[in-house]
Amino acid sequence: MARNAATARPPRPARGAARWAAAAVQLCPQTTDIEEAQAWAADWEAAGVEGVIAKDPDGRYQPGRPGWIKLKTRSTAEAIVGGVTGSLSAPGVLLLGLYDAAGRLRYVGQTMPVGEVGRELDMALVRYVTLRRGADVRTPWPRPLPAAWSGRPGERRPVPYIPVQPTVVVEVEVDAAFDEDAGRWRHRTRFLRVRADLSAYDVRRMSAS
């Protein structure tokens, strides 16, 4: 990203809307200093700010056209696999959970399709199923998963899935958009790796609601 293009600036209110905008719209700061923009992205993550917008200082927003780039702040987190779509030998999407203080496994989100990078996960899940052949896996989550829980805006179809015993811990990449009221990530996460060095008891717990 070129230094002179690292500008985060709010759109200019339409004429006649200034009085309304002053009361209803909070304008964001802007800068041409890339280091300052990077500091904003890092420092404001805890407040739920997802990142910064980079654009040409003289450019205008045009829907459906390139020119404005959303640079999201991302970090990693550990979560417990509570279900998968597809099959255990070839999982498509991982359904993630965290235990709360009362010992309940709470749904917190799902990954994007794991694809070929999920081979290590395939082996971990299949190994568990081999050891527990015939065991009935119960889940505290609704089946199928409600469409609103999918992390995909506009999704209307419920998500069928296979419950798994919550023993496999994975590391995922997440953004700052965590819905505190719903208790889950607003967007789908990206699977990074299986944390074979961690058990479900090592993963942080959520606050009970």
C-alpha atoms as a PDB file:
ATOM      1  CA  MET A   1       0.000   0.000   0.000  1.00  0.00           C
ATOM      2  CA  ALA A   2       1.532   3.280  -1.085  1.00  0.00           C
ATOM      3  CA  ARG A   3       1.990   5.893   1.626  1.00  0.00           C
ATOM      4  CA  ASN A   4       0.065   8.598  -0.250  1.00  0.00           C
ATOM      5  CA  ALA A   5      -2.889   6.213  -0.715  1.00  0.00           C
ATOM      6  CA  ALA A   6      -3.274   5.275   2.947  1.00  0.00           C
ATOM      7  CA  THR A   7      -6.010   7.743   3.688  1.00  0.00           C
ATOM      8  CA  ALA A   8      -8.984   6.911   5.879  1.00  0.00           C
ATOM      9  CA  ARG A   9     -11.553   9.682   5.489  1.00  0.00           C
ATOM     10  CA  PRO A  10     -15.323   9.902   5.870  1.00  0.00           C
ATOM     11  CA  PRO A  11     -17.668  10.634   2.957  1.00  0.00           C
ATOM     12  CA  ARG A  12     -18.814  14.256   2.681  1.00  0.00           C
ATOM     13  CA  PRO A  13     -22.466  14.732   3.815  1.00  0.00           C
ATOM     14  CA  ALA A  14     -24.896  15.718   1.068  1.00  0.00           C
ATOM     15  CA  ARG A  15     -25.900  19.396   0.888  1.00  0.00           C
ATOM     16  CA  GLY A  16     -28.789  20.137   3.216  1.00  0.00           C
ATOM     17  CA  ALA A  17     -27.980  17.170   5.466  1.00  0.00           C
ATOM     18  CA  ALA A  18     -25.279  18.857   7.552  1.00  0.00           C
ATOM     19  CA  ARG A  19     -27.573  19.614  10.486  1.00  0.00           C
ATOM     20  CA  TRP A  20     -28.855  16.031  10.602  1.00  0.00           C
ATOM     21  CA  ALA A  21     -25.355  14.625  10.142  1.00  0.00           C
ATOM     22  CA  ALA A  22     -23.956  16.647  13.030  1.00  0.00           C
ATOM     23  CA  ALA A  23     -26.433  14.985  15.379  1.00  0.00           C
ATOM     24  CA  ALA A  24     -26.600  11.466  13.915  1.00  0.00           C
ATOM     25  CA  VAL A  25     -23.291  10.692  12.213  1.00  0.00           C
ATOM     26  CA  GLN A  26     -19.913  10.335  13.860  1.00  0.00           C
ATOM     27  CA  LEU A  27     -17.192  11.188  11.375  1.00  0.00           C
ATOM     28  CA  CYS A  28     -14.058   9.072  11.529  1.00  0.00           C
ATOM     29  CA  PRO A  29     -10.517  10.465  11.608  1.00  0.00           C
ATOM     30  CA  GLN A  30      -8.325  10.543   8.529  1.00  0.00           C
ATOM     31  CA  THR A  31      -4.595  10.510   7.893  1.00  0.00           C
ATOM     32  CA  THR A  32      -2.014  10.230   5.142  1.00  0.00           C
ATOM     33  CA  ASP A  33       0.502   8.665   7.549  1.00  0.00           C
ATOM     34  CA  ILE A  34       0.555   4.896   7.115  1.00  0.00           C
ATOM     35  CA  GLU A  35       2.143   4.329  10.544  1.00  0.00           C
ATOM     36  CA  GLU A  36      -0.606   6.308  12.228  1.00  0.00           C
ATOM     37  CA  ALA A  37      -3.251   4.289  10.374  1.00  0.00           C
ATOM     38  CA  GLN A  38      -1.587   1.067  11.484  1.00  0.00           C
ATOM     39  CA  ALA A  39      -1.573   2.314  15.081  1.00  0.00           C
ATOM     40  CA  TRP A  40      -5.312   3.080  14.858  1.00  0.00           C
ATOM     41  CA  ALA A  41      -6.049  -0.424  13.581  1.00  0.00           C
ATOM     42  CA  ALA A  42      -4.072  -2.001  16.434  1.00  0.00           C
ATOM     43  CA  ASP A  43      -5.207   0.292  19.264  1.00  0.00           C
ATOM     44  CA  TRP A  44      -8.919   0.346  18.415  1.00  0.00           C
ATOM     45  CA  GLU A  45      -9.383  -3.387  17.923  1.00  0.00           C
ATOM     46  CA  ALA A  46     -10.421  -3.806  21.567  1.00  0.00           C
ATOM     47  CA  ALA A  47     -13.254  -1.330  20.978  1.00  0.00           C
ATOM     48  CA  GLY A  48     -14.636  -3.462  18.130  1.00  0.00           C
ATOM     49  CA  VAL A  49     -13.198  -1.395  15.264  1.00  0.00           C
ATOM     50  CA  GLU A  50     -12.598  -3.872  12.442  1.00  0.00           C
ATOM     51  CA  GLY A  51      -9.834  -1.962  10.657  1.00  0.00           C
ATOM     52  CA  VAL A  52      -9.266   1.027   8.362  1.00  0.00           C
ATOM     53  CA  ILE A  53     -10.248   2.068   4.849  1.00  0.00           C
ATOM     54  CA  ALA A  54      -7.512   2.931   2.355  1.00  0.00           C
ATOM     55  CA  LYS A  55      -8.344   5.057  -0.702  1.00  0.00           C
ATOM     56  CA  ASP A  56      -7.068   7.648  -3.112  1.00  0.00           C
ATOM     57  CA  PRO A  57      -7.298  11.055  -1.344  1.00  0.00           C
ATOM     58  CA  ASP A  58      -9.206  12.440  -4.333  1.00  0.00           C
ATOM     59  CA  GLY A  59     -11.278   9.338  -5.004  1.00  0.00           C
ATOM     60  CA  ARG A  60     -15.005   8.972  -4.358  1.00  0.00           C
ATOM     61  CA  TYR A  61     -16.887   5.893  -3.321  1.00  0.00           C
ATOM     62  CA  GLN A  62     -18.530   4.169  -6.285  1.00  0.00           C
ATOM     63  CA  PRO A  63     -20.638   1.123  -5.432  1.00  0.00           C
ATOM     64  CA  GLY A  64     -19.459  -2.058  -7.118  1.00  0.00           C
ATOM     65  CA  ARG A  65     -16.187  -0.561  -8.327  1.00  0.00           C
ATOM     66  CA  PRO A  66     -12.668  -0.990  -6.932  1.00  0.00           C
ATOM     67  CA  GLY A  67     -10.867   1.905  -5.294  1.00  0.00           C
ATOM     68  CA  TRP A  68     -11.665   1.631  -1.593  1.00  0.00           C
ATOM     69  CA  ILE A  69      -9.846  -1.123   0.287  1.00  0.00           C
ATOM     70  CA  LYS A  70     -10.992  -2.388   3.675  1.00  0.00           C
ATOM     71  CA  LEU A  71      -7.978  -3.482   5.721  1.00  0.00           C
ATOM     72  CA  LYS A  72      -9.218  -5.655   8.581  1.00  0.00           C
ATOM     73  CA  THR A  73      -7.337  -6.214  11.800  1.00  0.00           C
ATOM     74  CA  ARG A  74      -6.983  -9.937  12.377  1.00  0.00           C
ATOM     75  CA  SER A  75      -5.779 -12.058  15.251  1.00  0.00           C
ATOM     76  CA  THR A  76      -5.818 -15.731  16.198  1.00  0.00           C
ATOM     77  CA  ALA A  77      -7.873 -17.619  18.766  1.00  0.00           C
ATOM     78  CA  GLU A  78      -8.396 -21.177  19.948  1.00  0.00           C
ATOM     79  CA  ALA A  79     -11.780 -22.846  19.794  1.00  0.00           C
ATOM     80  CA  ILE A  80     -13.265 -26.329  20.192  1.00  0.00           C
ATOM     81  CA  VAL A  81     -14.756 -28.200  17.255  1.00  0.00           C
ATOM     82  CA  GLY A  82     -18.339 -29.155  18.106  1.00  0.00           C
ATOM     83  CA  GLY A  83     -19.530 -30.163  14.648  1.00  0.00           C
ATOM     84  CA  VAL A  84     -18.630 -30.328  10.979  1.00  0.00           C
ATOM     85  CA  THR A  85     -20.413 -30.065   7.667  1.00  0.00           C
ATOM     86  CA  GLY A  86     -19.669 -32.596   4.963  1.00  0.00           C
ATOM     87  CA  SER A  87     -18.201 -35.747   6.506  1.00  0.00           C
ATOM     88  CA  LEU A  88     -15.740 -36.640   9.256  1.00  0.00           C
ATOM     89  CA  SER A  89     -13.225 -37.898   6.707  1.00  0.00           C
ATOM     90  CA  ALA A  90     -13.586 -34.767   4.555  1.00  0.00           C
ATOM     91  CA  PRO A  91     -14.970 -31.919   6.701  1.00  0.00           C
ATOM     92  CA  GLY A  92     -16.185 -28.846   4.866  1.00  0.00           C
ATOM     93  CA  VAL A  93     -16.845 -26.232   7.566  1.00  0.00           C
ATOM     94  CA  LEU A  94     -16.056 -26.454  11.282  1.00  0.00           C
ATOM     95  CA  LEU A  95     -18.609 -25.405  13.879  1.00  0.00           C
ATOM     96  CA  LEU A  96     -16.794 -23.861  16.817  1.00  0.00           C
ATOM     97  CA  GLY A  97     -17.588 -23.626  20.496  1.00  0.00           C
ATOM     98  CA  LEU A  98     -16.254 -22.455  23.839  1.00  0.00           C
ATOM     99  CA  TYR A  99     -17.261 -23.611  27.286  1.00  0.00           C
ATOM    100  CA  ASP A 100     -18.827 -21.029  29.556  1.00  0.00           C
ATOM    101  CA  ALA A 101     -18.312 -20.749  33.314  1.00  0.00           C
ATOM    102  CA  ALA A 102     -21.224 -23.138  33.877  1.00  0.00           C
ATOM    103  CA  GLY A 103     -19.613 -25.852  31.754  1.00  0.00           C
ATOM    104  CA  ARG A 104     -21.931 -25.471  28.753  1.00  0.00           C
ATOM    105  CA  LEU A 105     -20.474 -25.626  25.258  1.00  0.00           C
ATOM    106  CA  ARG A 106     -21.576 -22.386  23.599  1.00  0.00           C
ATOM    107  CA  TYR A 107     -21.616 -21.960  19.835  1.00  0.00           C
ATOM    108  CA  VAL A 108     -19.287 -19.087  18.847  1.00  0.00           C
ATOM    109  CA  GLY A 109     -19.005 -19.332  15.067  1.00  0.00           C
ATOM    110  CA  GLN A 110     -17.782 -21.356  12.143  1.00  0.00           C
ATOM    111  CA  THR A 111     -14.901 -21.448   9.739  1.00  0.00           C
ATOM    112  CA  MET A 112     -14.745 -20.909   6.036  1.00  0.00           C
ATOM    113  CA  PRO A 113     -14.370 -24.182   4.089  1.00  0.00           C
ATOM    114  CA  VAL A 114     -11.185 -25.839   5.306  1.00  0.00           C
ATOM    115  CA  GLY A 115     -10.242 -27.421   1.965  1.00  0.00           C
ATOM    116  CA  GLU A 116      -6.917 -29.190   1.637  1.00  0.00           C
ATOM    117  CA  VAL A 117      -5.439 -27.400   4.662  1.00  0.00           C
ATOM    118  CA  GLY A 118      -7.794 -29.465   6.804  1.00  0.00           C
ATOM    119  CA  ARG A 119      -5.958 -32.756   6.261  1.00  0.00           C
ATOM    120  CA  GLU A 120      -4.503 -32.663   9.785  1.00  0.00           C
ATOM    121  CA  LEU A 121      -8.008 -32.075  11.069  1.00  0.00           C
ATOM    122  CA  ASP A 122      -9.363 -35.017   9.063  1.00  0.00           C
ATOM    123  CA  MET A 123      -6.885 -37.301  10.805  1.00  0.00           C
ATOM    124  CA  ALA A 124      -7.720 -35.918  14.263  1.00  0.00           C
ATOM    125  CA  LEU A 125     -11.460 -36.420  13.768  1.00  0.00           C
ATOM    126  CA  VAL A 126     -11.136 -39.861  12.205  1.00  0.00           C
ATOM    127  CA  ARG A 127      -8.764 -40.959  14.969  1.00  0.00           C
ATOM    128  CA  TYR A 128     -11.357 -39.989  17.569  1.00  0.00           C
ATOM    129  CA  VAL A 129     -14.175 -41.756  15.728  1.00  0.00           C
ATOM    130  CA  THR A 130     -12.040 -44.910  15.444  1.00  0.00           C
ATOM    131  CA  LEU A 131     -11.436 -44.896  19.188  1.00  0.00           C
ATOM    132  CA  ARG A 132     -15.101 -44.218  20.000  1.00  0.00           C
ATOM    133  CA  ARG A 133     -16.813 -46.271  17.298  1.00  0.00           C
ATOM    134  CA  GLY A 134     -20.542 -46.451  17.865  1.00  0.00           C
ATOM    135  CA  ALA A 135     -20.603 -43.728  20.531  1.00  0.00           C
ATOM    136  CA  ASP A 136     -23.625 -41.427  20.402  1.00  0.00           C
ATOM    137  CA  VAL A 137     -22.466 -37.812  20.208  1.00  0.00           C
ATOM    138  CA  ARG A 138     -24.972 -35.395  21.706  1.00  0.00           C
ATOM    139  CA  THR A 139     -24.907 -31.674  21.016  1.00  0.00           C
ATOM    140  CA  PRO A 140     -26.350 -28.717  22.944  1.00  0.00           C
ATOM    141  CA  TRP A 141     -26.788 -26.844  19.659  1.00  0.00           C
ATOM    142  CA  PRO A 142     -29.896 -26.936  17.449  1.00  0.00           C
ATOM    143  CA  ARG A 143     -29.866 -29.270  14.430  1.00  0.00           C
ATOM    144  CA  PRO A 144     -29.767 -28.024  11.776  1.00  0.00           C
ATOM    145  CA  LEU A 145     -27.951 -24.851  12.777  1.00  0.00           C
ATOM    146  CA  PRO A 146     -30.118 -21.724  12.253  1.00  0.00           C
ATOM    147  CA  ALA A 147     -29.223 -19.738   9.140  1.00  0.00           C
ATOM    148  CA  ALA A 148     -28.686 -16.616  11.281  1.00  0.00           C
ATOM    149  CA  TRP A 149     -25.816 -18.392  13.019  1.00  0.00           C
ATOM    150  CA  SER A 150     -23.916 -19.069   9.800  1.00  0.00           C
ATOM    151  CA  GLY A 151     -21.791 -15.895   9.789  1.00  0.00           C
ATOM    152  CA  ARG A 152     -22.917 -15.231   6.215  1.00  0.00           C
ATOM    153  CA  PRO A 153     -25.084 -12.108   5.754  1.00  0.00           C
ATOM    154  CA  GLY A 154     -28.273 -12.879   3.890  1.00  0.00           C
ATOM    155  CA  GLU A 155     -28.042 -16.644   4.360  1.00  0.00           C
ATOM    156  CA  ARG A 156     -31.539 -18.141   4.656  1.00  0.00           C
ATOM    157  CA  ARG A 157     -30.847 -21.858   4.643  1.00  0.00           C
ATOM    158  CA  PRO A 158     -30.280 -23.761   7.909  1.00  0.00           C
ATOM    159  CA  VAL A 159     -26.927 -25.544   8.147  1.00  0.00           C
ATOM    160  CA  PRO A 160     -27.035 -29.346   8.518  1.00  0.00           C
ATOM    161  CA  TYR A 161     -24.030 -30.739  10.330  1.00  0.00           C
ATOM    162  CA  ILE A 162     -22.533 -33.743  12.099  1.00  0.00           C
ATOM    163  CA  PRO A 163     -21.983 -33.309  15.867  1.00  0.00           C
ATOM    164  CA  VAL A 164     -18.583 -34.424  17.146  1.00  0.00           C
ATOM    165  CA  GLN A 165     -17.303 -34.984  20.649  1.00  0.00           C
ATOM    166  CA  PRO A 166     -15.773 -31.622  21.693  1.00  0.00           C
ATOM    167  CA  THR A 167     -12.195 -32.806  22.105  1.00  0.00           C
ATOM    168  CA  VAL A 168     -10.396 -31.329  19.082  1.00  0.00           C
ATOM    169  CA  VAL A 169      -8.957 -27.822  19.590  1.00  0.00           C
ATOM    170  CA  VAL A 170      -8.141 -25.688  16.565  1.00  0.00           C
ATOM    171  CA  GLU A 171      -6.491 -22.338  16.011  1.00  0.00           C
ATOM    172  CA  VAL A 172      -8.437 -19.950  13.791  1.00  0.00           C
ATOM    173  CA  GLU A 173      -7.916 -16.478  12.390  1.00  0.00           C
ATOM    174  CA  VAL A 174     -10.611 -14.005  13.445  1.00  0.00           C
ATOM    175  CA  ASP A 175     -11.406 -10.347  12.960  1.00  0.00           C
ATOM    176  CA  ALA A 176     -12.515  -7.846  15.588  1.00  0.00           C
ATOM    177  CA  ALA A 177     -16.237  -8.208  14.891  1.00  0.00           C
ATOM    178  CA  PHE A 178     -17.435 -10.204  17.903  1.00  0.00           C
ATOM    179  CA  ASP A 179     -21.117  -9.875  18.796  1.00  0.00           C
ATOM    180  CA  GLU A 180     -21.143  -9.636  22.588  1.00  0.00           C
ATOM    181  CA  ASP A 181     -24.938  -9.968  22.794  1.00  0.00           C
ATOM    182  CA  ALA A 182     -25.080 -13.111  20.656  1.00  0.00           C
ATOM    183  CA  GLY A 183     -21.776 -14.409  22.016  1.00  0.00           C
ATOM    184  CA  ARG A 184     -20.248 -15.286  18.662  1.00  0.00           C
ATOM    185  CA  TRP A 185     -18.091 -13.962  15.837  1.00  0.00           C
ATOM    186  CA  ARG A 186     -20.127 -12.062  13.252  1.00  0.00           C
ATOM    187  CA  HIS A 187     -17.995 -13.312  10.361  1.00  0.00           C
ATOM    188  CA  ARG A 188     -16.681 -16.737   9.522  1.00  0.00           C
ATOM    189  CA  THR A 189     -13.201 -17.544  10.757  1.00  0.00           C
ATOM    190  CA  ARG A 190     -10.282 -19.140   8.870  1.00  0.00           C
ATOM    191  CA  PHE A 191      -8.937 -22.496  10.013  1.00  0.00           C
ATOM    192  CA  LEU A 192      -5.174 -22.425  10.619  1.00  0.00           C
ATOM    193  CA  ARG A 193      -4.208 -25.664  12.358  1.00  0.00           C
ATOM    194  CA  VAL A 194      -5.118 -28.325  14.895  1.00  0.00           C
ATOM    195  CA  ARG A 195      -3.763 -27.591  18.394  1.00  0.00           C
ATOM    196  CA  ALA A 196      -2.859 -31.146  19.366  1.00  0.00           C
ATOM    197  CA  ASP A 197      -0.935 -29.707  22.334  1.00  0.00           C
ATOM    198  CA  LEU A 198      -4.138 -28.380  23.906  1.00  0.00           C
ATOM    199  CA  SER A 199      -7.169 -30.083  25.387  1.00  0.00           C
ATOM    200  CA  ALA A 200     -10.631 -28.572  25.565  1.00  0.00           C
ATOM    201  CA  TYR A 201      -9.916 -27.730  29.203  1.00  0.00           C
ATOM    202  CA  ASP A 202      -6.997 -25.523  28.187  1.00  0.00           C
ATOM    203  CA  VAL A 203      -9.137 -23.214  26.041  1.00  0.00           C
ATOM    204  CA  ARG A 204     -10.377 -19.995  27.618  1.00  0.00           C
ATOM    205  CA  ARG A 205     -13.931 -19.951  28.913  1.00  0.00           C
ATOM    206  CA  MET A 206     -16.717 -17.543  28.076  1.00  0.00           C
ATOM    207  CA  SER A 207     -18.574 -15.533  30.667  1.00  0.00           C
ATOM    208  CA  ALA A 208     -21.844 -17.217  31.559  1.00  0.00           C
ATOM    209  CA  SER A 209     -24.961 -15.308  30.466  1.00  0.00           C
END
